[in-house]
Amino acid sequence: MFDRLATSLRTPPSRAHFRPFLGETLWLVPLLLLLGAVGGLMHWRPLFDVTILKLAVVAIVVPALGEELLFRAALLPRPRPNAPLPRTAVALSALLFVAWHALQIFVFGPDWGRTVLDPWFLAAAAALGIACARVYWRTGSLWPSVGLHWLVVIGWKALLSGPSPWQAA
């Protein structure tokens, strides 16, 4: 497993990785917007200030890199060129990713629990988990899935007034 983690980190993103990244983004973002709108999880309130800049720096490590290392590189088999998507492993990875988000109530408290226990949020987390797993599998590099995860988190918080566990929900 440690070799798989190291390989996923050492495989740099390339031009060839842009297409799988874009493909996942094109179905994921509209779905997340739909889930967020129907579930009342977002409101268009762009916020670009020093708080968002700080969050953007922190979010590249936690949650993006940390969660992608655990839920993609550690849990999925090593990606192989032209190998079929390991659907069972992807489903398990996404399920554990969703469970982790629900369990964050014990780390960040009941205010954050209102968000992470919301079924619409959990559905969005499942979609993100599947998209990140698919892009990781198709590229063999962890970095495109880290980028996708980071963009979703920052977009939700900077553009759509998404709550953060580091502030009141």
Protein backbone atom coordinates (compact mmCIF):
# COMPACT_ATOMS: atom_id res chain seq x y z
CA MET A 1 0.00 0.00 0.00
CA PHE A 2 2.80 2.47 0.82
CA ASP A 3 4.34 1.86 -2.59
CA ARG A 4 0.95 2.61 -4.20
CA LEU A 5 0.67 5.84 -2.18
CA ALA A 6 4.17 6.92 -3.17
CA THR A 7 3.58 6.10 -6.83
CA SER A 8 0.30 8.02 -6.88
CA LEU A 9 2.09 11.08 -5.46
CA ARG A 10 5.13 10.78 -7.74
CA THR A 11 3.05 10.52 -10.91
CA PRO A 12 2.81 14.12 -12.05
CA PRO A 13 -0.26 15.40 -13.85
CA SER A 14 0.14 15.65 -17.60
CA ARG A 15 -1.75 17.04 -20.57
CA ALA A 16 -3.27 13.60 -21.10
CA HIS A 17 -4.86 13.86 -17.65
CA PHE A 18 -6.84 16.96 -18.56
CA ARG A 19 -9.42 15.08 -20.59
CA PRO A 20 -10.42 12.64 -17.79
CA PHE A 21 -10.38 15.54 -15.32
CA LEU A 22 -12.65 17.62 -17.56
CA GLY A 23 -14.93 14.65 -18.26
CA GLU A 24 -15.54 14.08 -14.57
CA THR A 25 -15.96 17.79 -13.89
CA LEU A 26 -18.60 18.16 -16.63
CA TRP A 27 -21.01 15.69 -15.02
CA LEU A 28 -20.04 16.30 -11.40
CA VAL A 29 -20.48 20.08 -11.15
CA PRO A 30 -24.03 20.19 -12.57
CA LEU A 31 -25.02 17.29 -10.31
CA LEU A 32 -23.52 19.00 -7.25
CA LEU A 33 -25.29 22.24 -8.14
CA LEU A 34 -28.58 20.37 -8.46
CA LEU A 35 -28.11 18.52 -5.16
CA GLY A 36 -27.06 21.71 -3.41
CA ALA A 37 -29.98 23.72 -4.78
CA VAL A 38 -32.62 21.09 -4.04
CA GLY A 39 -31.16 20.40 -0.61
CA GLY A 40 -30.78 24.08 0.27
CA LEU A 41 -27.05 23.65 0.88
CA MET A 42 -25.90 26.59 -1.19
CA HIS A 43 -26.71 30.18 -1.89
CA TRP A 44 -24.99 32.33 -4.49
CA ARG A 45 -22.89 34.67 -2.36
CA PRO A 46 -19.42 35.03 -3.83
CA LEU A 47 -16.85 35.81 -1.17
CA PHE A 48 -13.29 36.63 -2.11
CA ASP A 49 -11.33 37.78 0.89
CA VAL A 50 -8.36 36.77 2.98
CA THR A 51 -10.43 34.08 4.74
CA ILE A 52 -11.09 32.30 1.44
CA LEU A 53 -7.42 32.62 0.46
CA LYS A 54 -6.39 31.02 3.75
CA LEU A 55 -8.97 28.29 3.32
CA ALA A 56 -7.75 27.65 -0.23
CA VAL A 57 -4.22 27.08 1.05
CA VAL A 58 -5.35 24.83 3.89
CA ALA A 59 -7.88 22.93 1.74
CA ILE A 60 -5.22 21.72 -0.69
CA VAL A 61 -3.79 19.66 2.19
CA VAL A 62 -6.93 19.05 4.25
CA PRO A 63 -9.32 17.87 2.89
CA ALA A 64 -8.11 17.48 -0.72
CA LEU A 65 -4.72 15.77 -0.42
CA GLY A 66 -5.41 13.95 2.84
CA GLU A 67 -8.75 12.51 1.81
CA GLU A 68 -7.57 11.61 -1.69
CA LEU A 69 -4.57 9.77 -0.27
CA LEU A 70 -6.78 7.74 2.03
CA PHE A 71 -9.93 7.19 0.00
CA ARG A 72 -8.40 6.87 -3.46
CA ALA A 73 -4.70 5.93 -3.37
CA ALA A 74 -4.86 3.74 -0.25
CA LEU A 75 -8.19 2.02 -0.93
CA LEU A 76 -8.24 1.56 -4.68
CA PRO A 77 -6.03 -0.93 -6.50
CA ARG A 78 -3.07 0.51 -8.40
CA PRO A 79 -4.39 1.98 -11.67
CA ARG A 80 -3.29 0.07 -14.75
CA PRO A 81 -3.48 1.40 -18.31
CA ASN A 82 -6.64 0.27 -20.10
CA ALA A 83 -7.82 -1.82 -17.13
CA PRO A 84 -11.56 -1.67 -16.45
CA LEU A 85 -12.76 0.48 -13.58
CA PRO A 86 -12.87 -1.64 -10.40
CA ARG A 87 -16.50 -0.79 -9.64
CA THR A 88 -16.67 -2.63 -6.32
CA ALA A 89 -13.53 -0.89 -5.04
CA VAL A 90 -14.82 2.49 -6.27
CA ALA A 91 -18.17 1.90 -4.54
CA LEU A 92 -16.46 0.90 -1.28
CA SER A 93 -14.14 3.90 -1.50
CA ALA A 94 -17.10 6.24 -2.06
CA LEU A 95 -19.11 4.62 0.74
CA LEU A 96 -16.24 5.03 3.21
CA PHE A 97 -15.75 8.62 2.00
CA VAL A 98 -19.41 9.34 2.77
CA ALA A 99 -19.17 7.61 6.16
CA TRP A 100 -16.08 9.67 7.02
CA HIS A 101 -17.99 12.87 6.33
CA ALA A 102 -20.89 11.76 8.54
CA LEU A 103 -18.45 10.82 11.32
CA GLN A 104 -17.01 14.34 11.30
CA ILE A 105 -19.80 15.30 13.70
CA PHE A 106 -17.65 13.70 16.41
CA VAL A 107 -14.66 15.81 15.42
CA PHE A 108 -16.26 19.19 14.69
CA GLY A 109 -19.43 19.03 16.80
CA PRO A 110 -23.17 19.34 16.34
CA ASP A 111 -23.10 22.59 14.34
CA TRP A 112 -21.13 20.85 11.60
CA GLY A 113 -23.37 17.82 12.06
CA ARG A 114 -26.30 19.76 10.58
CA THR A 115 -24.35 19.83 7.34
CA VAL A 116 -22.60 16.45 7.26
CA LEU A 117 -25.67 14.46 8.27
CA ASP A 118 -27.85 16.12 5.64
CA PRO A 119 -28.81 13.50 3.01
CA TRP A 120 -28.23 16.01 0.19
CA PHE A 121 -24.71 16.68 1.44
CA LEU A 122 -24.03 12.94 1.73
CA ALA A 123 -25.29 12.40 -1.83
CA ALA A 124 -22.95 15.17 -2.99
CA ALA A 125 -20.06 13.57 -1.08
CA ALA A 126 -20.82 10.24 -2.78
CA ALA A 127 -20.80 11.89 -6.21
CA LEU A 128 -17.50 13.63 -5.44
CA GLY A 129 -16.01 10.37 -4.18
CA ILE A 130 -17.00 8.52 -7.35
CA ALA A 131 -15.71 11.31 -9.63
CA CYS A 132 -12.38 11.51 -7.80
CA ALA A 133 -11.99 7.72 -7.91
CA ARG A 134 -12.72 7.64 -11.63
CA VAL A 135 -10.26 10.42 -12.46
CA TYR A 136 -7.58 8.78 -10.29
CA TRP A 137 -8.15 5.43 -11.98
CA ARG A 138 -8.03 6.91 -15.48
CA THR A 139 -4.90 9.01 -14.87
CA GLY A 140 -2.86 6.93 -12.41
CA SER A 141 -1.96 10.19 -10.69
CA LEU A 142 -3.45 11.42 -7.45
CA TRP A 143 -3.02 15.07 -8.43
CA PRO A 144 -6.01 15.40 -10.79
CA SER A 145 -8.34 13.99 -8.11
CA VAL A 146 -6.78 16.30 -5.51
CA GLY A 147 -7.39 19.22 -7.89
CA LEU A 148 -11.00 18.20 -8.50
CA HIS A 149 -11.66 17.76 -4.78
CA TRP A 150 -10.04 21.13 -4.01
CA LEU A 151 -12.00 22.96 -6.73
CA VAL A 152 -15.29 21.59 -5.44
CA VAL A 153 -14.54 22.53 -1.83
CA ILE A 154 -13.31 26.03 -2.67
CA GLY A 155 -16.10 26.64 -5.18
CA TRP A 156 -18.70 25.62 -2.62
CA LYS A 157 -17.23 27.85 0.06
CA ALA A 158 -16.12 30.85 -2.04
CA LEU A 159 -19.06 31.07 -4.45
CA LEU A 160 -21.96 29.28 -2.80
CA SER A 161 -21.66 30.20 0.87
CA GLY A 162 -20.96 26.61 1.90
CA PRO A 163 -20.34 26.14 5.60
CA SER A 164 -16.98 25.10 6.93
CA PRO A 165 -16.21 22.97 10.00
CA TRP A 166 -13.84 25.73 11.13
CA GLN A 167 -16.66 28.24 11.49
CA ALA A 168 -20.24 28.14 12.71
CA ALA A 169 -22.49 26.31 10.23
